[in-house]
Amino acid sequence: MSQNSDFQLISTTLPQSQEEVLQRLLQEFSQLPGQLQICARYVIDHPHEVGLQSMRTLALNADVQPNSFVRLARHLGFEGYEAMRERFRDFVRGGVGSSPDRVRWLQEMDRKGGSTAIFGSMAEACLDNTEKMFAQQSVEDLDKAVDWMINARRVYVLGLGLAYPLAYNFYYVARMGFEHFILSPRHGSLPCDDIIRMDSSDCLLAMTFQPYRSDTLDAVRLARKAGARVIGVTDSNASALCREADLGLVSPTHTPQFFHSNSAVTALLESLCALLIVRGGESASKSVEAFHSARWEADIYDES
């Protein structure tokens, strides 16, 4: 395939559904030019909006020129953007909508302005992210991730930078039910210090969000080279972590402030913990009970 043509197709088959469009974009993502990658990432992360918003609105939200979405559609074999957009009508019919009361509440906060408007915009972002995370999540993928972790010899939980507190919280809860969860990196060490000991009986749960950390991705590649299974937790199906991992779990992190919002990611990880304990059966339940009993007996909690 010529690298100089935006419109050269890897596949000559025209996508017939929104699922096929998304699959093609994921397959061809790394071969797309820079501007088309931005458009593709936005479509992958916001399929519901493609069926609702105009091309100009999408371009404004993605911070690209409207013509970039036309070029992306033609790259997939469509005559234009509207032809591609038709494939996303199911998302409009089946999407998650906001209740009228919630909409009126958010609009009222916006009219008040100042701190109230900022607080309202954060509320809207957090609620929207959480709704999308639950609506778009594959329960089959969650079950697969839980099975891998329960049956692994060791599960290394990796998060660096802003992902570290998320990784730590997940590890903190999971270790109550299971002894084989290990937080990585440990204090004073590097991720590779643990990864080099992994093999095909181990599992790595790694998380990174935009901007994606190269040291996390390097650790993932090292784990895969060792034969370990890799579960990625990230903010886009088009992220490098999703492409490198054996299984990707995605949660939106959009926010009007400078830093990303972790509220929906936290909900995803808490759901994973709940599934782990339930699927862990009596053994996991007894472990959690023993963990808390020991803390009560040690007077860790204030009963006043």
C-alpha atoms as a PDB file:
ATOM      1  CA  MET A   1       0.000   0.000   0.000  1.00  0.00           C
ATOM      2  CA  SER A   2       1.270   3.474  -0.844  1.00  0.00           C
ATOM      3  CA  GLN A   3       2.075   5.504   2.268  1.00  0.00           C
ATOM      4  CA  ASN A   4       1.379   8.765   0.391  1.00  0.00           C
ATOM      5  CA  SER A   5      -2.323   8.230  -0.259  1.00  0.00           C
ATOM      6  CA  ASP A   6      -4.918   8.890   2.423  1.00  0.00           C
ATOM      7  CA  PHE A   7      -7.526   7.055   0.387  1.00  0.00           C
ATOM      8  CA  GLN A   8      -5.692   3.804  -0.363  1.00  0.00           C
ATOM      9  CA  LEU A   9      -7.603   0.936   1.263  1.00  0.00           C
ATOM     10  CA  ILE A  10      -6.121  -1.970   3.189  1.00  0.00           C
ATOM     11  CA  SER A  11      -9.420  -3.793   2.634  1.00  0.00           C
ATOM     12  CA  THR A  12     -11.728  -3.289  -0.352  1.00  0.00           C
ATOM     13  CA  THR A  13     -14.811  -4.407   1.593  1.00  0.00           C
ATOM     14  CA  LEU A  14     -17.110  -1.537   2.538  1.00  0.00           C
ATOM     15  CA  PRO A  15     -18.103  -1.655   6.250  1.00  0.00           C
ATOM     16  CA  GLN A  16     -21.810  -2.471   6.567  1.00  0.00           C
ATOM     17  CA  SER A  17     -22.368  -1.585  10.231  1.00  0.00           C
ATOM     18  CA  GLN A  18     -20.984   0.664  12.959  1.00  0.00           C
ATOM     19  CA  GLU A  19     -19.188  -2.350  14.448  1.00  0.00           C
ATOM     20  CA  GLU A  20     -17.434  -3.012  11.127  1.00  0.00           C
ATOM     21  CA  VAL A  21     -16.442   0.663  10.816  1.00  0.00           C
ATOM     22  CA  LEU A  22     -14.906   0.630  14.294  1.00  0.00           C
ATOM     23  CA  GLN A  23     -13.142  -2.664  13.638  1.00  0.00           C
ATOM     24  CA  ARG A  24     -11.609  -1.325  10.414  1.00  0.00           C
ATOM     25  CA  LEU A  25     -10.441   1.840  12.158  1.00  0.00           C
ATOM     26  CA  LEU A  26      -8.787  -0.206  14.901  1.00  0.00           C
ATOM     27  CA  GLN A  27      -7.120  -2.528  12.387  1.00  0.00           C
ATOM     28  CA  GLU A  28      -5.770   0.306  10.244  1.00  0.00           C
ATOM     29  CA  PHE A  29      -5.156   2.879  12.982  1.00  0.00           C
ATOM     30  CA  SER A  30      -1.363   2.678  13.020  1.00  0.00           C
ATOM     31  CA  GLN A  31      -1.215   3.130   9.210  1.00  0.00           C
ATOM     32  CA  LEU A  32      -3.360   6.294   9.168  1.00  0.00           C
ATOM     33  CA  PRO A  33      -1.760   9.751   8.745  1.00  0.00           C
ATOM     34  CA  GLY A  34      -1.674  11.953  11.856  1.00  0.00           C
ATOM     35  CA  GLN A  35      -4.859  13.975  11.271  1.00  0.00           C
ATOM     36  CA  LEU A  36      -6.824  10.885  10.299  1.00  0.00           C
ATOM     37  CA  GLN A  37      -5.607   9.139  13.447  1.00  0.00           C
ATOM     38  CA  ILE A  38      -7.105  11.977  15.500  1.00  0.00           C
ATOM     39  CA  CYS A  39     -10.418  11.599  13.663  1.00  0.00           C
ATOM     40  CA  ALA A  40     -10.351   7.812  13.966  1.00  0.00           C
ATOM     41  CA  ARG A  41      -9.632   7.991  17.687  1.00  0.00           C
ATOM     42  CA  TYR A  42     -12.588  10.353  18.170  1.00  0.00           C
ATOM     43  CA  VAL A  43     -14.940   8.071  16.231  1.00  0.00           C
ATOM     44  CA  ILE A  44     -13.724   5.010  18.173  1.00  0.00           C
ATOM     45  CA  ASP A  45     -14.156   6.757  21.525  1.00  0.00           C
ATOM     46  CA  HIS A  46     -17.434   8.575  20.726  1.00  0.00           C
ATOM     47  CA  PRO A  47     -19.467   6.364  18.353  1.00  0.00           C
ATOM     48  CA  HIS A  48     -22.740   7.660  19.819  1.00  0.00           C
ATOM     49  CA  GLU A  49     -21.847  11.239  18.842  1.00  0.00           C
ATOM     50  CA  VAL A  50     -21.167  10.291  15.207  1.00  0.00           C
ATOM     51  CA  GLY A  51     -24.852   9.508  14.737  1.00  0.00           C
ATOM     52  CA  LEU A  52     -25.996  12.618  16.616  1.00  0.00           C
ATOM     53  CA  GLN A  53     -23.617  15.463  15.822  1.00  0.00           C
ATOM     54  CA  SER A  54     -22.843  17.263  12.584  1.00  0.00           C
ATOM     55  CA  MET A  55     -19.456  16.795  10.971  1.00  0.00           C
ATOM     56  CA  ARG A  56     -18.480  20.354  11.908  1.00  0.00           C
ATOM     57  CA  THR A  57     -19.338  19.745  15.564  1.00  0.00           C
ATOM     58  CA  LEU A  58     -17.274  16.543  15.605  1.00  0.00           C
ATOM     59  CA  ALA A  59     -14.377  18.365  13.973  1.00  0.00           C
ATOM     60  CA  LEU A  60     -14.599  21.152  16.559  1.00  0.00           C
ATOM     61  CA  ASN A  61     -14.614  18.625  19.417  1.00  0.00           C
ATOM     62  CA  ALA A  62     -11.723  16.649  17.918  1.00  0.00           C
ATOM     63  CA  ASP A  63      -9.798  19.856  17.103  1.00  0.00           C
ATOM     64  CA  VAL A  64      -9.355  19.042  13.399  1.00  0.00           C
ATOM     65  CA  GLN A  65     -10.621  20.464  10.121  1.00  0.00           C
ATOM     66  CA  PRO A  66     -14.056  19.128   9.015  1.00  0.00           C
ATOM     67  CA  ASN A  67     -12.529  17.851   5.775  1.00  0.00           C
ATOM     68  CA  SER A  68     -10.447  15.395   7.818  1.00  0.00           C
ATOM     69  CA  PHE A  69     -13.607  13.401   8.584  1.00  0.00           C
ATOM     70  CA  VAL A  70     -14.447  13.371   4.871  1.00  0.00           C
ATOM     71  CA  ARG A  71     -10.976  12.005   4.126  1.00  0.00           C
ATOM     72  CA  LEU A  72     -11.391   9.359   6.835  1.00  0.00           C
ATOM     73  CA  ALA A  73     -14.736   8.253   5.388  1.00  0.00           C
ATOM     74  CA  ARG A  74     -13.233   8.008   1.887  1.00  0.00           C
ATOM     75  CA  HIS A  75     -10.281   6.079   3.269  1.00  0.00           C
ATOM     76  CA  LEU A  76     -12.794   3.431   4.405  1.00  0.00           C
ATOM     77  CA  GLY A  77     -14.393   3.386   0.949  1.00  0.00           C
ATOM     78  CA  PHE A  78     -17.408   5.621   1.533  1.00  0.00           C
ATOM     79  CA  GLU A  79     -18.347   8.355  -0.939  1.00  0.00           C
ATOM     80  CA  GLY A  80     -18.406  10.899   1.874  1.00  0.00           C
ATOM     81  CA  TYR A  81     -18.904  11.477   5.579  1.00  0.00           C
ATOM     82  CA  GLU A  82     -22.723  11.180   5.509  1.00  0.00           C
ATOM     83  CA  ALA A  83     -22.488   7.690   4.023  1.00  0.00           C
ATOM     84  CA  MET A  84     -20.241   6.609   6.899  1.00  0.00           C
ATOM     85  CA  ARG A  85     -22.459   8.379   9.425  1.00  0.00           C
ATOM     86  CA  GLU A  86     -25.444   6.262   8.355  1.00  0.00           C
ATOM     87  CA  ARG A  87     -23.679   3.216   9.786  1.00  0.00           C
ATOM     88  CA  PHE A  88     -23.938   4.799  13.260  1.00  0.00           C
ATOM     89  CA  ARG A  89     -27.708   5.253  13.404  1.00  0.00           C
ATOM     90  CA  ASP A  90     -28.033   2.252  15.724  1.00  0.00           C
ATOM     91  CA  PHE A  91     -25.981   4.125  18.302  1.00  0.00           C
ATOM     92  CA  VAL A  92     -28.537   6.928  18.181  1.00  0.00           C
ATOM     93  CA  ARG A  93     -31.429   4.533  18.713  1.00  0.00           C
ATOM     94  CA  GLY A  94     -29.710   2.454  21.386  1.00  0.00           C
ATOM     95  CA  GLY A  95     -27.578   5.029  23.156  1.00  0.00           C
ATOM     96  CA  VAL A  96     -27.736   6.103  26.789  1.00  0.00           C
ATOM     97  CA  GLY A  97     -29.651   9.334  27.216  1.00  0.00           C
ATOM     98  CA  SER A  98     -29.800  11.776  30.101  1.00  0.00           C
ATOM     99  CA  SER A  99     -32.953  12.129  32.162  1.00  0.00           C
ATOM    100  CA  PRO A 100     -34.873  15.441  31.758  1.00  0.00           C
ATOM    101  CA  ASP A 101     -34.342  16.295  35.434  1.00  0.00           C
ATOM    102  CA  ARG A 102     -30.589  15.877  35.145  1.00  0.00           C
ATOM    103  CA  VAL A 103     -30.464  17.993  31.982  1.00  0.00           C
ATOM    104  CA  ARG A 104     -32.436  20.821  33.609  1.00  0.00           C
ATOM    105  CA  TRP A 105     -30.202  20.678  36.706  1.00  0.00           C
ATOM    106  CA  LEU A 106     -27.016  20.935  34.636  1.00  0.00           C
ATOM    107  CA  GLN A 107     -28.455  23.771  32.531  1.00  0.00           C
ATOM    108  CA  GLU A 108     -29.411  25.698  35.662  1.00  0.00           C
ATOM    109  CA  MET A 109     -25.870  25.331  37.055  1.00  0.00           C
ATOM    110  CA  ASP A 110     -24.440  26.617  33.790  1.00  0.00           C
ATOM    111  CA  ARG A 111     -26.711  29.701  33.868  1.00  0.00           C
ATOM    112  CA  LYS A 112     -25.502  30.593  37.374  1.00  0.00           C
ATOM    113  CA  GLY A 113     -21.927  30.874  36.110  1.00  0.00           C
ATOM    114  CA  GLY A 114     -18.711  31.080  38.145  1.00  0.00           C
ATOM    115  CA  SER A 115     -17.823  28.197  40.444  1.00  0.00           C
ATOM    116  CA  THR A 116     -21.326  26.782  40.119  1.00  0.00           C
ATOM    117  CA  ALA A 117     -20.883  26.443  36.345  1.00  0.00           C
ATOM    118  CA  ILE A 118     -17.482  24.811  36.767  1.00  0.00           C
ATOM    119  CA  PHE A 119     -18.902  22.395  39.314  1.00  0.00           C
ATOM    120  CA  GLY A 120     -21.781  21.645  36.947  1.00  0.00           C
ATOM    121  CA  SER A 121     -19.445  20.991  34.018  1.00  0.00           C
ATOM    122  CA  MET A 122     -17.438  18.569  36.154  1.00  0.00           C
ATOM    123  CA  ALA A 123     -20.636  16.834  37.249  1.00  0.00           C
ATOM    124  CA  GLU A 124     -21.725  16.463  33.633  1.00  0.00           C
ATOM    125  CA  ALA A 125     -18.330  15.052  32.586  1.00  0.00           C
ATOM    126  CA  CYS A 126     -18.156  12.536  35.455  1.00  0.00           C
ATOM    127  CA  LEU A 127     -21.738  11.361  34.980  1.00  0.00           C
ATOM    128  CA  ASP A 128     -21.344  11.105  31.214  1.00  0.00           C
ATOM    129  CA  ASN A 129     -18.059   9.179  31.489  1.00  0.00           C
ATOM    130  CA  THR A 130     -19.544   6.725  33.974  1.00  0.00           C
ATOM    131  CA  GLU A 131     -22.676   6.163  31.865  1.00  0.00           C
ATOM    132  CA  LYS A 132     -20.605   5.514  28.750  1.00  0.00           C
ATOM    133  CA  MET A 133     -18.203   3.202  30.589  1.00  0.00           C
ATOM    134  CA  PHE A 134     -21.011   0.951  31.831  1.00  0.00           C
ATOM    135  CA  ALA A 135     -23.003   1.123  28.578  1.00  0.00           C
ATOM    136  CA  GLN A 136     -20.068   0.277  26.308  1.00  0.00           C
ATOM    137  CA  GLN A 137     -18.347  -2.283  28.550  1.00  0.00           C
ATOM    138  CA  SER A 138     -18.287  -5.920  27.466  1.00  0.00           C
ATOM    139  CA  VAL A 139     -19.296  -8.167  30.368  1.00  0.00           C
ATOM    140  CA  GLU A 140     -17.724 -11.048  28.439  1.00  0.00           C
ATOM    141  CA  ASP A 141     -14.380  -9.215  28.492  1.00  0.00           C
ATOM    142  CA  LEU A 142     -14.752  -8.512  32.211  1.00  0.00           C
ATOM    143  CA  ASP A 143     -15.399 -12.202  32.884  1.00  0.00           C
ATOM    144  CA  LYS A 144     -12.365 -13.144  30.819  1.00  0.00           C
ATOM    145  CA  ALA A 145     -10.155 -10.697  32.723  1.00  0.00           C
ATOM    146  CA  VAL A 146     -11.416 -12.032  36.064  1.00  0.00           C
ATOM    147  CA  ASP A 147     -10.794 -15.639  34.995  1.00  0.00           C
ATOM    148  CA  TRP A 148      -7.255 -14.805  33.905  1.00  0.00           C
ATOM    149  CA  MET A 149      -6.476 -13.084  37.200  1.00  0.00           C
ATOM    150  CA  ILE A 150      -7.996 -15.763  39.426  1.00  0.00           C
ATOM    151  CA  ASN A 151      -6.192 -18.583  37.628  1.00  0.00           C
ATOM    152  CA  ALA A 152      -2.823 -16.834  37.293  1.00  0.00           C
ATOM    153  CA  ARG A 153       0.100 -17.782  39.515  1.00  0.00           C
ATOM    154  CA  ARG A 154       0.755 -14.093  40.158  1.00  0.00           C
ATOM    155  CA  VAL A 155      -1.024 -10.921  39.080  1.00  0.00           C
ATOM    156  CA  TYR A 156       1.134  -7.835  38.824  1.00  0.00           C
ATOM    157  CA  VAL A 157      -0.832  -4.568  38.993  1.00  0.00           C
ATOM    158  CA  LEU A 158       1.029  -1.767  37.211  1.00  0.00           C
ATOM    159  CA  GLY A 159       0.253   1.949  37.237  1.00  0.00           C
ATOM    160  CA  LEU A 160       2.674   4.878  37.032  1.00  0.00           C
ATOM    161  CA  GLY A 161       2.185   8.591  37.611  1.00  0.00           C
ATOM    162  CA  LEU A 162      -1.494   9.528  37.842  1.00  0.00           C
ATOM    163  CA  ALA A 163      -2.379   5.865  37.275  1.00  0.00           C
ATOM    164  CA  TYR A 164      -0.501   4.792  40.416  1.00  0.00           C
ATOM    165  CA  PRO A 165      -3.271   5.599  42.948  1.00  0.00           C
ATOM    166  CA  LEU A 166      -5.752   3.726  40.730  1.00  0.00           C
ATOM    167  CA  ALA A 167      -3.460   0.702  40.593  1.00  0.00           C
ATOM    168  CA  TYR A 168      -2.807   0.867  44.323  1.00  0.00           C
ATOM    169  CA  ASN A 169      -6.496   1.036  45.211  1.00  0.00           C
ATOM    170  CA  PHE A 170      -7.272  -1.943  42.970  1.00  0.00           C
ATOM    171  CA  TYR A 171      -4.394  -3.931  44.474  1.00  0.00           C
ATOM    172  CA  TYR A 172      -5.392  -2.908  48.015  1.00  0.00           C
ATOM    173  CA  VAL A 173      -8.892  -4.341  47.591  1.00  0.00           C
ATOM    174  CA  ALA A 174      -7.962  -7.385  45.484  1.00  0.00           C
ATOM    175  CA  ARG A 175      -5.303  -8.586  47.939  1.00  0.00           C
ATOM    176  CA  MET A 176      -7.963  -8.852  50.662  1.00  0.00           C
ATOM    177  CA  GLY A 177      -9.408 -11.786  48.762  1.00  0.00           C
ATOM    178  CA  PHE A 178      -6.304 -13.157  47.067  1.00  0.00           C
ATOM    179  CA  GLU A 179      -2.674 -13.585  48.068  1.00  0.00           C
ATOM    180  CA  HIS A 180      -1.201 -13.600  44.570  1.00  0.00           C
ATOM    181  CA  PHE A 181      -1.765  -9.908  43.672  1.00  0.00           C
ATOM    182  CA  ILE A 182       1.425  -7.811  43.617  1.00  0.00           C
ATOM    183  CA  LEU A 183       1.676  -4.031  43.186  1.00  0.00           C
ATOM    184  CA  SER A 184       4.340  -3.015  40.667  1.00  0.00           C
ATOM    185  CA  PRO A 185       6.684  -1.243  40.773  1.00  0.00           C
ATOM    186  CA  ARG A 186       7.514  -1.678  44.416  1.00  0.00           C
ATOM    187  CA  HIS A 187       9.079   1.172  46.368  1.00  0.00           C
ATOM    188  CA  GLY A 188      12.549   1.955  45.074  1.00  0.00           C
ATOM    189  CA  SER A 189      12.268  -0.379  42.077  1.00  0.00           C
ATOM    190  CA  LEU A 190      11.352  -0.295  38.400  1.00  0.00           C
ATOM    191  CA  PRO A 191       8.529  -2.119  36.593  1.00  0.00           C
ATOM    192  CA  CYS A 192      11.046  -4.313  34.781  1.00  0.00           C
ATOM    193  CA  ASP A 193      12.369  -5.598  38.129  1.00  0.00           C
ATOM    194  CA  ASP A 194       9.126  -7.569  38.508  1.00  0.00           C
ATOM    195  CA  ILE A 195       8.373  -8.186  34.839  1.00  0.00           C
ATOM    196  CA  ILE A 196      11.641 -10.058  34.189  1.00  0.00           C
ATOM    197  CA  ARG A 197      10.431 -12.777  36.579  1.00  0.00           C
ATOM    198  CA  MET A 198       7.135 -13.305  34.751  1.00  0.00           C
ATOM    199  CA  ASP A 199       6.250 -16.282  32.583  1.00  0.00           C
ATOM    200  CA  SER A 200       3.196 -17.787  30.894  1.00  0.00           C
ATOM    201  CA  SER A 201       1.565 -18.614  34.246  1.00  0.00           C
ATOM    202  CA  ASP A 202       1.447 -14.926  35.251  1.00  0.00           C
ATOM    203  CA  CYS A 203      -0.835 -12.017  34.408  1.00  0.00           C
ATOM    204  CA  LEU A 204      -0.170  -8.284  34.165  1.00  0.00           C
ATOM    205  CA  LEU A 205      -2.909  -5.698  34.749  1.00  0.00           C
ATOM    206  CA  ALA A 206      -1.451  -2.458  33.383  1.00  0.00           C
ATOM    207  CA  MET A 207      -3.053   0.967  33.141  1.00  0.00           C
ATOM    208  CA  THR A 208      -2.088   4.190  31.423  1.00  0.00           C
ATOM    209  CA  PHE A 209      -4.086   7.135  30.078  1.00  0.00           C
ATOM    210  CA  GLN A 210      -3.370  10.035  27.738  1.00  0.00           C
ATOM    211  CA  PRO A 211      -0.586  11.009  27.487  1.00  0.00           C
ATOM    212  CA  TYR A 212       0.415   7.340  27.503  1.00  0.00           C
ATOM    213  CA  ARG A 213       3.568   6.462  29.444  1.00  0.00           C
ATOM    214  CA  SER A 214       6.300   4.799  27.420  1.00  0.00           C
ATOM    215  CA  ASP A 215       7.683   2.993  30.501  1.00  0.00           C
ATOM    216  CA  THR A 216       4.295   1.333  31.048  1.00  0.00           C
ATOM    217  CA  LEU A 217       4.140   0.270  27.400  1.00  0.00           C
ATOM    218  CA  ASP A 218       7.716  -1.046  27.588  1.00  0.00           C
ATOM    219  CA  ALA A 219       6.734  -3.159  30.615  1.00  0.00           C
ATOM    220  CA  VAL A 220       3.710  -4.510  28.721  1.00  0.00           C
ATOM    221  CA  ARG A 221       5.872  -5.535  25.767  1.00  0.00           C
ATOM    222  CA  LEU A 222       8.340  -7.211  28.112  1.00  0.00           C
ATOM    223  CA  ALA A 223       5.516  -9.128  29.823  1.00  0.00           C
ATOM    224  CA  ARG A 224       4.130 -10.313  26.506  1.00  0.00           C
ATOM    225  CA  LYS A 225       7.593 -11.407  25.416  1.00  0.00           C
ATOM    226  CA  ALA A 226       7.744 -13.493  28.599  1.00  0.00           C
ATOM    227  CA  GLY A 227       4.465 -15.152  27.623  1.00  0.00           C
ATOM    228  CA  ALA A 228       2.325 -13.565  30.335  1.00  0.00           C
ATOM    229  CA  ARG A 229      -1.251 -12.478  29.668  1.00  0.00           C
ATOM    230  CA  VAL A 230      -1.738  -8.712  29.645  1.00  0.00           C
ATOM    231  CA  ILE A 231      -4.929  -6.852  30.586  1.00  0.00           C
ATOM    232  CA  GLY A 232      -4.856  -3.167  29.689  1.00  0.00           C
ATOM    233  CA  VAL A 233      -6.992  -0.502  31.355  1.00  0.00           C
ATOM    234  CA  THR A 234      -6.986   2.722  29.356  1.00  0.00           C
ATOM    235  CA  ASP A 235      -9.121   5.501  27.859  1.00  0.00           C
ATOM    236  CA  SER A 236      -9.350   4.524  24.194  1.00  0.00           C
ATOM    237  CA  ASN A 237      -9.634   1.416  22.050  1.00  0.00           C
ATOM    238  CA  ALA A 238      -7.155   3.135  19.752  1.00  0.00           C
ATOM    239  CA  SER A 239      -4.524   3.565  22.477  1.00  0.00           C
ATOM    240  CA  ALA A 240      -1.171   1.812  22.177  1.00  0.00           C
ATOM    241  CA  LEU A 241      -1.959  -0.110  25.375  1.00  0.00           C
ATOM    242  CA  CYS A 242      -5.118  -1.611  23.860  1.00  0.00           C
ATOM    243  CA  ARG A 243      -3.184  -2.649  20.768  1.00  0.00           C
ATOM    244  CA  GLU A 244      -0.373  -4.196  22.819  1.00  0.00           C
ATOM    245  CA  ALA A 245      -2.517  -5.963  25.455  1.00  0.00           C
ATOM    246  CA  ASP A 246      -4.226  -9.331  25.061  1.00  0.00           C
ATOM    247  CA  LEU A 247      -7.416  -7.751  26.423  1.00  0.00           C
ATOM    248  CA  GLY A 248      -8.326  -4.072  26.665  1.00  0.00           C
ATOM    249  CA  LEU A 249     -10.807  -2.536  29.122  1.00  0.00           C
ATOM    250  CA  VAL A 250     -11.707   1.035  28.226  1.00  0.00           C
ATOM    251  CA  SER A 251     -13.169   3.896  30.229  1.00  0.00           C
ATOM    252  CA  PRO A 252     -13.583   7.526  29.079  1.00  0.00           C
ATOM    253  CA  THR A 253     -11.698  10.150  31.106  1.00  0.00           C
ATOM    254  CA  HIS A 254     -12.910  13.371  29.462  1.00  0.00           C
ATOM    255  CA  THR A 255     -13.131  16.461  31.638  1.00  0.00           C
ATOM    256  CA  PRO A 256     -13.295  20.277  31.228  1.00  0.00           C
ATOM    257  CA  GLN A 257     -10.335  20.723  33.585  1.00  0.00           C
ATOM    258  CA  PHE A 258      -6.625  20.248  32.847  1.00  0.00           C
ATOM    259  CA  PHE A 259      -6.326  16.737  34.307  1.00  0.00           C
ATOM    260  CA  HIS A 260      -8.367  13.764  33.162  1.00  0.00           C
ATOM    261  CA  SER A 261     -11.217  12.484  35.324  1.00  0.00           C
ATOM    262  CA  ASN A 262     -10.661   9.089  36.958  1.00  0.00           C
ATOM    263  CA  SER A 263     -14.203   8.669  38.296  1.00  0.00           C
ATOM    264  CA  ALA A 264     -15.354   6.258  35.575  1.00  0.00           C
ATOM    265  CA  VAL A 265     -12.052   4.359  35.676  1.00  0.00           C
ATOM    266  CA  THR A 266     -12.515   3.925  39.426  1.00  0.00           C
ATOM    267  CA  ALA A 267     -16.008   2.546  38.814  1.00  0.00           C
ATOM    268  CA  LEU A 268     -14.585   0.083  36.279  1.00  0.00           C
ATOM    269  CA  LEU A 269     -11.874  -1.116  38.676  1.00  0.00           C
ATOM    270  CA  GLU A 270     -14.351  -1.373  41.558  1.00  0.00           C
ATOM    271  CA  SER A 271     -16.582  -3.509  39.337  1.00  0.00           C
ATOM    272  CA  LEU A 272     -13.609  -5.754  38.562  1.00  0.00           C
ATOM    273  CA  CYS A 273     -12.914  -6.115  42.292  1.00  0.00           C
ATOM    274  CA  ALA A 274     -16.542  -7.038  42.955  1.00  0.00           C
ATOM    275  CA  LEU A 275     -16.460  -9.689  40.227  1.00  0.00           C
ATOM    276  CA  LEU A 276     -13.165 -11.032  41.561  1.00  0.00           C
ATOM    277  CA  ILE A 277     -14.528 -11.543  45.069  1.00  0.00           C
ATOM    278  CA  VAL A 278     -17.780 -13.104  43.822  1.00  0.00           C
ATOM    279  CA  ARG A 279     -16.021 -15.411  41.363  1.00  0.00           C
ATOM    280  CA  GLY A 280     -13.396 -16.245  43.993  1.00  0.00           C
ATOM    281  CA  GLY A 281     -16.073 -18.119  45.924  1.00  0.00           C
ATOM    282  CA  GLU A 282     -15.916 -19.106  49.577  1.00  0.00           C
ATOM    283  CA  SER A 283     -12.132 -18.898  49.720  1.00  0.00           C
ATOM    284  CA  ALA A 284     -12.091 -15.231  48.690  1.00  0.00           C
ATOM    285  CA  SER A 285     -15.004 -14.399  51.003  1.00  0.00           C
ATOM    286  CA  LYS A 286     -13.279 -16.011  54.005  1.00  0.00           C
ATOM    287  CA  SER A 287     -10.063 -14.161  53.185  1.00  0.00           C
ATOM    288  CA  VAL A 288     -11.859 -10.797  53.145  1.00  0.00           C
ATOM    289  CA  GLU A 289     -13.606 -11.646  56.415  1.00  0.00           C
ATOM    290  CA  ALA A 290     -10.337 -12.651  58.076  1.00  0.00           C
ATOM    291  CA  PHE A 291      -8.677  -9.480  56.820  1.00  0.00           C
ATOM    292  CA  HIS A 292     -11.305  -7.241  58.406  1.00  0.00           C
ATOM    293  CA  SER A 293     -11.533  -9.288  61.602  1.00  0.00           C
ATOM    294  CA  ALA A 294      -7.805  -8.861  62.155  1.00  0.00           C
ATOM    295  CA  ARG A 295      -8.157  -5.096  61.747  1.00  0.00           C
ATOM    296  CA  TRP A 296     -11.029  -4.860  64.195  1.00  0.00           C
ATOM    297  CA  GLU A 297      -9.099  -6.915  66.731  1.00  0.00           C
ATOM    298  CA  ALA A 298      -6.103  -4.623  66.297  1.00  0.00           C
ATOM    299  CA  ASP A 299      -8.300  -1.567  67.036  1.00  0.00           C
ATOM    300  CA  ILE A 300      -7.549  -0.086  63.625  1.00  0.00           C
ATOM    301  CA  TYR A 301     -11.074   1.313  63.334  1.00  0.00           C
ATOM    302  CA  ASP A 302     -12.642   3.927  65.586  1.00  0.00           C
ATOM    303  CA  GLU A 303     -15.954   2.612  66.904  1.00  0.00           C
ATOM    304  CA  SER A 304     -16.899   5.783  68.798  1.00  0.00           C
END
